[in-house]
């Protein structure tokens, strides 16, 4: 999986990560999304 970062100064960086790390990133992003959804209700 390739993770893309966009910094506030406009610089973009792409980093290749392992499948274990990509699974963890997806899980964390899902938990953040669910938390944000709970807070808006």
N, C-alpha and C. Protein backbone atom coordinates (compact mmCIF):
# COMPACT_ATOMS: atom_id res chain seq x y z
N UNK A 1 0.85 -1.17 0.00
CA UNK A 1 0.00 0.00 0.00
C UNK A 1 0.90 1.23 0.00
N UNK A 2 0.46 2.26 -0.70
CA UNK A 2 1.19 3.51 -0.73
C UNK A 2 0.39 4.53 0.09
N UNK A 3 1.07 5.14 1.07
CA UNK A 3 0.46 6.16 1.91
C UNK A 3 0.88 7.51 1.36
N UNK A 4 -0.10 8.40 1.16
CA UNK A 4 0.18 9.73 0.62
C UNK A 4 -0.02 10.77 1.72
N UNK A 5 0.96 11.65 1.86
CA UNK A 5 0.89 12.76 2.80
C UNK A 5 0.93 14.06 2.02
N UNK A 6 0.12 15.03 2.43
CA UNK A 6 0.18 16.36 1.85
C UNK A 6 0.40 17.32 3.01
N UNK A 7 1.55 17.98 2.99
CA UNK A 7 1.91 18.90 4.05
C UNK A 7 1.27 20.25 3.82
N UNK A 8 1.22 21.06 4.88
CA UNK A 8 0.57 22.37 4.81
C UNK A 8 1.26 23.29 3.81
N UNK A 9 2.54 23.08 3.57
CA UNK A 9 3.26 23.93 2.60
C UNK A 9 3.06 23.45 1.16
N UNK A 10 2.23 22.42 0.95
CA UNK A 10 1.91 21.94 -0.38
C UNK A 10 2.76 20.77 -0.85
N UNK A 11 3.78 20.42 -0.10
CA UNK A 11 4.65 19.31 -0.47
C UNK A 11 3.90 17.99 -0.33
N UNK A 12 4.07 17.11 -1.30
CA UNK A 12 3.42 15.80 -1.28
C UNK A 12 4.48 14.71 -1.21
N UNK A 13 4.22 13.69 -0.38
CA UNK A 13 5.15 12.58 -0.21
C UNK A 13 4.35 11.28 -0.27
N UNK A 14 4.88 10.30 -0.99
CA UNK A 14 4.27 8.98 -1.05
C UNK A 14 5.25 7.97 -0.47
N UNK A 15 4.76 7.12 0.44
CA UNK A 15 5.60 6.15 1.11
C UNK A 15 4.98 4.76 0.96
N UNK A 16 5.78 3.80 0.57
CA UNK A 16 5.34 2.41 0.47
C UNK A 16 5.44 1.77 1.86
N UNK A 17 4.34 1.13 2.32
CA UNK A 17 4.34 0.50 3.64
C UNK A 17 3.96 -0.97 3.50
N UNK A 18 4.32 -1.75 4.51
CA UNK A 18 4.02 -3.19 4.50
C UNK A 18 2.53 -3.42 4.67
N UNK A 19 2.08 -4.63 4.41
CA UNK A 19 0.66 -4.95 4.52
C UNK A 19 0.19 -4.89 5.97
N UNK A 20 1.05 -5.26 6.93
CA UNK A 20 0.67 -5.18 8.34
C UNK A 20 0.41 -3.73 8.74
N UNK A 21 1.30 -2.85 8.35
CA UNK A 21 1.14 -1.44 8.68
C UNK A 21 -0.06 -0.85 7.96
N UNK A 22 -0.28 -1.24 6.72
CA UNK A 22 -1.43 -0.72 5.98
C UNK A 22 -2.74 -1.16 6.62
N UNK A 23 -2.80 -2.38 7.12
CA UNK A 23 -4.00 -2.84 7.82
C UNK A 23 -4.25 -2.02 9.08
N UNK A 24 -3.19 -1.69 9.80
CA UNK A 24 -3.31 -0.88 11.01
C UNK A 24 -3.78 0.53 10.66
N UNK A 25 -3.24 1.11 9.60
CA UNK A 25 -3.64 2.45 9.18
C UNK A 25 -5.11 2.48 8.81
N UNK A 26 -5.57 1.48 8.06
CA UNK A 26 -6.98 1.40 7.65
C UNK A 26 -7.87 1.27 8.89
N UNK A 27 -7.47 0.47 9.85
CA UNK A 27 -8.25 0.28 11.07
C UNK A 27 -8.34 1.60 11.86
N UNK A 28 -7.24 2.30 12.00
CA UNK A 28 -7.24 3.57 12.74
C UNK A 28 -8.11 4.60 12.03
N UNK A 29 -8.00 4.70 10.71
CA UNK A 29 -8.82 5.66 9.97
C UNK A 29 -10.30 5.33 10.11
N UNK A 30 -10.65 4.05 10.14
CA UNK A 30 -12.04 3.64 10.32
C UNK A 30 -12.54 4.04 11.71
N UNK A 31 -11.71 3.84 12.74
CA UNK A 31 -12.11 4.22 14.09
C UNK A 31 -12.28 5.73 14.22
N UNK A 32 -11.43 6.51 13.57
CA UNK A 32 -11.56 7.96 13.59
C UNK A 32 -12.85 8.39 12.91
N UNK A 33 -13.15 7.78 11.77
CA UNK A 33 -14.36 8.09 11.04
C UNK A 33 -15.60 7.80 11.88
N UNK A 34 -15.61 6.64 12.55
CA UNK A 34 -16.74 6.27 13.39
C UNK A 34 -16.88 7.21 14.58
N UNK A 35 -15.76 7.61 15.16
CA UNK A 35 -15.77 8.54 16.29
C UNK A 35 -16.34 9.90 15.86
N UNK A 36 -15.91 10.38 14.70
CA UNK A 36 -16.42 11.65 14.19
C UNK A 36 -17.91 11.57 13.93
N UNK A 37 -18.37 10.44 13.44
CA UNK A 37 -19.79 10.26 13.16
C UNK A 37 -20.59 10.28 14.46
N UNK A 38 -20.07 9.64 15.52
CA UNK A 38 -20.76 9.65 16.82
C UNK A 38 -20.86 11.06 17.38
N UNK A 39 -19.82 11.85 17.20
CA UNK A 39 -19.80 13.20 17.76
C UNK A 39 -20.76 14.15 17.05
N UNK A 40 -21.11 13.85 15.81
CA UNK A 40 -22.01 14.74 15.07
C UNK A 40 -23.48 14.40 15.31
N UNK A 41 -23.75 13.33 15.99
CA UNK A 41 -25.16 12.96 16.23
C UNK A 41 -25.72 13.70 17.40
